[in-house]
Protein backbone atom coordinates (compact mmCIF):
# COMPACT_ATOMS: atom_id res chain seq x y z
CA VAL A 1 12.77 121.01 88.50
CA TYR A 2 14.29 122.09 91.81
CA ILE A 3 12.36 121.57 95.03
CA MET A 4 13.14 123.38 98.26
CA THR A 5 11.50 123.92 101.61
CA LEU A 6 12.07 127.26 103.32
CA THR A 7 11.39 128.34 106.86
CA GLN A 8 11.01 132.10 106.70
CA ARG A 9 13.33 133.93 109.11
CA GLU A 10 14.14 137.47 110.13
CA ASP A 11 17.54 138.04 111.77
CA ASN A 12 17.84 134.22 111.84
CA ILE A 13 14.73 133.93 114.05
CA PRO A 14 11.90 131.84 112.53
CA LEU A 15 8.61 133.45 111.56
CA ASN A 16 6.10 131.19 113.29
CA GLY A 17 4.03 129.09 110.90
CA TYR A 18 5.74 130.38 107.75
CA GLU A 19 7.26 127.36 106.04
CA CYS A 20 6.76 126.72 102.35
CA THR A 21 7.83 124.13 99.78
CA PHE A 22 8.58 125.53 96.33
CA ALA A 23 9.17 123.82 92.99
CA ILE A 24 11.19 125.88 90.52
CA ARG A 25 11.52 125.24 86.80
CA GLU A 26 13.43 127.53 84.44
CA ASN A 27 13.83 130.20 87.17
CA LYS A 28 10.06 130.37 87.83
CA ILE A 29 8.02 129.12 90.76
CA VAL A 30 5.70 126.48 89.33
CA TYR A 31 4.38 125.11 92.63
CA ALA A 32 4.14 126.30 96.22
CA SER A 33 2.63 124.67 99.27
CA GLY A 34 2.62 126.23 102.73
CA LYS A 35 2.87 129.82 103.90
CA HIS A 36 5.37 132.47 102.82
CA PHE A 37 5.10 136.23 103.25
CA PHE A 38 6.03 138.11 100.08
CA GLY A 39 6.23 141.68 101.27
CA ALA A 40 8.13 144.27 103.23
CA PHE A 41 7.73 144.80 106.93
CA ALA A 42 7.09 148.25 108.33
CA GLU A 43 9.69 149.46 110.78
CA SER A 44 8.66 149.53 114.40
CA GLU A 45 10.22 150.48 117.70
CA GLU A 46 11.91 147.80 119.69
CA ALA A 47 10.68 147.02 123.18
CA PRO A 48 12.44 145.04 125.89
CA LEU A 49 11.73 141.31 125.71
CA LEU A 50 10.52 139.30 128.66
CA ASN A 51 12.67 136.36 129.64
CA ARG A 52 11.63 132.72 129.45
CA ALA A 53 10.84 132.52 133.16
CA ASN A 54 8.32 135.37 132.83
CA ILE A 55 6.77 133.70 129.79
CA LEU A 56 6.34 130.42 131.68
CA LEU A 57 4.84 132.29 134.64
CA SER A 58 2.32 133.93 132.29
CA GLU A 59 1.35 130.46 131.02
CA LYS A 60 0.87 129.29 134.60
CA ALA A 61 -1.29 132.35 135.34
CA ARG A 62 -3.49 131.44 132.34
CA LYS A 63 -3.79 127.96 133.89
CA THR A 64 -2.19 126.31 130.87
CA ARG A 65 -1.50 122.70 131.79
CA GLY A 66 1.04 120.27 130.44
CA THR A 67 4.70 119.41 130.41
CA VAL A 68 6.81 122.02 128.63
CA THR A 69 9.15 120.32 126.16
CA GLY A 70 10.50 123.43 124.45
CA ILE A 71 10.49 127.20 124.40
CA SER A 72 11.98 129.20 121.54
CA LEU A 73 12.01 132.75 120.27
CA CYS A 74 10.10 133.40 117.03
CA TYR A 75 8.31 136.19 115.21
CA VAL A 76 4.63 136.48 114.35
CA LEU A 77 3.03 138.78 111.80
CA TYR A 78 0.48 141.27 113.00
CA GLU A 79 -1.34 143.99 111.14
CA ASP A 80 -1.64 147.51 112.48
CA THR A 81 -5.08 148.23 111.06
CA LYS A 82 -4.91 151.93 111.93
CA LEU A 83 -1.74 152.43 109.88
CA GLY A 84 -2.37 149.66 107.36
CA GLU A 85 1.07 148.19 108.03
CA ILE A 86 2.34 144.71 108.78
CA HIS A 87 4.83 144.30 111.61
CA LEU A 88 6.94 141.49 113.02
CA ALA A 89 6.24 140.93 116.69
CA PRO A 90 8.78 139.02 118.81
CA ALA A 91 7.19 136.03 120.52
CA TYR A 92 7.99 132.82 122.34
CA LYS A 93 6.69 129.48 121.10
CA VAL A 94 6.04 127.18 124.06
CA THR A 95 5.68 123.53 123.08
CA TYR A 96 4.02 120.97 125.34
CA GLY A 97 4.55 117.22 125.42
CA GLU A 98 0.82 116.75 124.92
CA GLY A 99 1.14 118.19 121.40
CA HIS A 100 -0.18 121.74 121.79
CA THR A 101 1.71 125.02 121.56
CA SER A 102 1.23 128.55 122.83
CA ILE A 103 2.54 131.61 121.01
CA ILE A 104 3.14 134.39 123.53
CA ASP A 105 4.01 138.04 122.90
CA ALA A 106 7.61 138.48 124.15
CA ARG A 107 6.91 142.11 125.11
CA SER A 108 3.65 141.82 127.03
CA ALA A 109 3.22 138.08 127.76
CA ASP A 110 -0.20 138.22 126.04
CA LEU A 111 -1.29 135.09 124.20
CA PHE A 112 -1.43 135.46 120.39
CA GLU A 113 -4.57 133.91 118.92
């Protein structure tokens, strides 16, 4: 039995919240715990990304309080219900010393729920 933990990435950027531990026996997955997306992503147009300063200003405008301990680029999955497609959206993960995080759209500075 081989056990591995994978953080799903696209272009070496992590897909937020998609980490999974797999157990493999005889070339078959016999156990999985966590989240992993088994599918293809629809192509979408690229948009300019906001910089970290703009992301932090958007957090301040939302009156998010706390000490920022980290900010990193990631992707989130979102479904285009009109087209029935799943897309990767670039986002920033803002981590606070108090233990909470915000996931913010890197194109619009909107908060992902």
